């Protein structure tokens, strides 16, 4: 358990300490991982389809309100732990670095929507 936690912290530290390097390295990978694991529920651009909103009332849309409440670190934690019965954990499907890259990608999706 400690090892997984330390690996997650190391991955997040890499994203925070070296954001350009981490995002350049993981940008394509993060999109691929997002498409494979997140897109079905959260949509291509972070906006869940109506069917998903009906099925999961609390599903997050990645918008400016979402970014205001969630840091990259908190997104990575949700990816690693899951969220109740509605969202499974991805810690067994992705490495800590991949979790951090997808968290950054999700955060960036929300920021792109906020831009004029």
Protein backbone atom coordinates (compact mmCIF):
# COMPACT_ATOMS: atom_id res chain seq x y z
CA UNK A 1 0.00 0.00 0.00
CA UNK A 2 2.80 2.42 0.91
CA UNK A 3 4.61 1.58 -2.32
CA UNK A 4 1.57 2.39 -4.47
CA UNK A 5 1.04 5.63 -2.56
CA UNK A 6 4.66 6.64 -3.00
CA UNK A 7 4.53 5.83 -6.71
CA UNK A 8 1.40 7.95 -7.10
CA UNK A 9 3.07 10.81 -5.23
CA UNK A 10 6.16 10.51 -7.43
CA UNK A 11 4.03 10.63 -10.57
CA UNK A 12 2.12 13.66 -9.35
CA UNK A 13 5.33 15.35 -8.29
CA UNK A 14 6.71 14.85 -11.80
CA UNK A 15 3.67 16.56 -13.27
CA UNK A 16 3.86 19.45 -10.81
CA UNK A 17 7.64 19.89 -10.83
CA UNK A 18 8.11 19.37 -14.57
CA UNK A 19 4.73 20.20 -16.13
CA UNK A 20 6.01 20.85 -19.66
CA UNK A 21 8.09 17.69 -19.74
CA UNK A 22 5.34 15.54 -18.23
CA UNK A 23 2.62 16.93 -20.46
CA UNK A 24 4.78 16.73 -23.59
CA UNK A 25 5.69 13.18 -22.72
CA UNK A 26 2.21 12.07 -21.74
CA UNK A 27 -0.06 14.28 -23.85
CA UNK A 28 -0.69 11.70 -26.56
CA UNK A 29 -0.71 8.86 -24.06
CA UNK A 30 -3.09 10.72 -21.77
CA UNK A 31 -5.57 11.29 -24.59
CA UNK A 32 -5.34 7.62 -25.60
CA UNK A 33 -5.89 6.54 -22.00
CA UNK A 34 -8.77 9.00 -21.60
CA UNK A 35 -10.38 7.74 -24.80
CA UNK A 36 -10.03 4.12 -23.69
CA UNK A 37 -11.19 4.57 -20.09
CA UNK A 38 -13.11 7.82 -19.59
CA UNK A 39 -14.70 8.88 -22.88
CA UNK A 40 -17.55 6.36 -22.70
CA UNK A 41 -19.02 8.06 -19.63
CA UNK A 42 -17.57 11.59 -19.69
CA UNK A 43 -17.65 12.23 -23.45
CA UNK A 44 -14.97 13.22 -25.94
CA UNK A 45 -14.62 16.75 -24.59
CA UNK A 46 -15.60 16.07 -20.99
CA UNK A 47 -19.32 16.58 -21.43
CA UNK A 48 -21.32 13.46 -20.60
CA UNK A 49 -24.07 12.40 -23.00
CA UNK A 50 -27.69 12.78 -21.86
CA UNK A 51 -27.98 9.00 -21.40
CA UNK A 52 -25.02 9.05 -18.98
CA UNK A 53 -26.45 12.02 -17.10
CA UNK A 54 -29.70 10.12 -16.72
CA UNK A 55 -27.96 6.94 -15.56
CA UNK A 56 -25.49 8.71 -13.25
CA UNK A 57 -27.04 11.90 -11.89
CA UNK A 58 -23.82 13.08 -10.23
CA UNK A 59 -21.50 12.49 -13.22
CA UNK A 60 -19.00 15.29 -13.64
CA UNK A 61 -18.77 17.52 -16.66
CA UNK A 62 -15.29 18.91 -17.07
CA UNK A 63 -15.98 22.64 -17.15
CA UNK A 64 -14.86 25.80 -15.35
CA UNK A 65 -16.88 24.92 -12.24
CA UNK A 66 -15.17 21.53 -12.15
CA UNK A 67 -11.69 23.10 -12.40
CA UNK A 68 -12.61 25.55 -9.66
CA UNK A 69 -13.32 22.68 -7.28
CA UNK A 70 -10.78 20.04 -8.37
CA UNK A 71 -7.02 20.21 -8.64
CA UNK A 72 -5.02 17.84 -10.82
CA UNK A 73 -4.04 16.04 -7.62
CA UNK A 74 -7.66 15.54 -6.53
CA UNK A 75 -8.59 14.25 -9.99
CA UNK A 76 -5.73 11.74 -9.83
CA UNK A 77 -6.96 10.58 -6.42
CA UNK A 78 -10.46 9.96 -7.76
CA UNK A 79 -8.99 8.06 -10.71
CA UNK A 80 -6.96 5.93 -8.32
CA UNK A 81 -9.68 5.33 -5.72
CA UNK A 82 -12.87 5.52 -7.76
CA UNK A 83 -16.01 7.25 -6.58
CA UNK A 84 -18.58 5.10 -4.84
CA UNK A 85 -20.42 2.62 -7.02
CA UNK A 86 -20.66 4.99 -9.98
CA UNK A 87 -16.97 5.17 -10.92
CA UNK A 88 -14.51 2.33 -10.57
CA UNK A 89 -10.88 2.70 -9.60
CA UNK A 90 -8.33 2.75 -12.39
CA UNK A 91 -5.28 2.03 -10.20
CA UNK A 92 -5.06 -1.51 -11.60
CA UNK A 93 -5.35 -0.33 -15.22
CA UNK A 94 -2.89 2.59 -15.17
CA UNK A 95 0.43 3.37 -13.57
CA UNK A 96 0.68 6.31 -11.16
CA UNK A 97 2.33 8.36 -13.93
CA UNK A 98 -0.51 7.51 -16.31
CA UNK A 99 -3.10 8.42 -13.68
CA UNK A 100 -1.36 11.77 -13.23
CA UNK A 101 -1.22 12.34 -17.01
CA UNK A 102 -4.93 11.57 -17.42
CA UNK A 103 -5.73 13.85 -14.48
CA UNK A 104 -3.79 16.65 -16.18
CA UNK A 105 -5.59 15.91 -19.47
CA UNK A 106 -9.00 16.11 -17.73
CA UNK A 107 -8.01 19.39 -16.07
CA UNK A 108 -6.83 20.76 -19.42
CA UNK A 109 -10.13 19.77 -21.08
CA UNK A 110 -11.96 21.92 -18.58
CA UNK A 111 -9.57 24.84 -19.04
CA UNK A 112 -9.94 24.69 -22.85
CA UNK A 113 -13.69 25.15 -22.47
CA UNK A 114 -13.16 28.21 -20.31
CA UNK A 115 -11.02 29.92 -22.97
CA UNK A 116 -12.86 32.35 -25.28
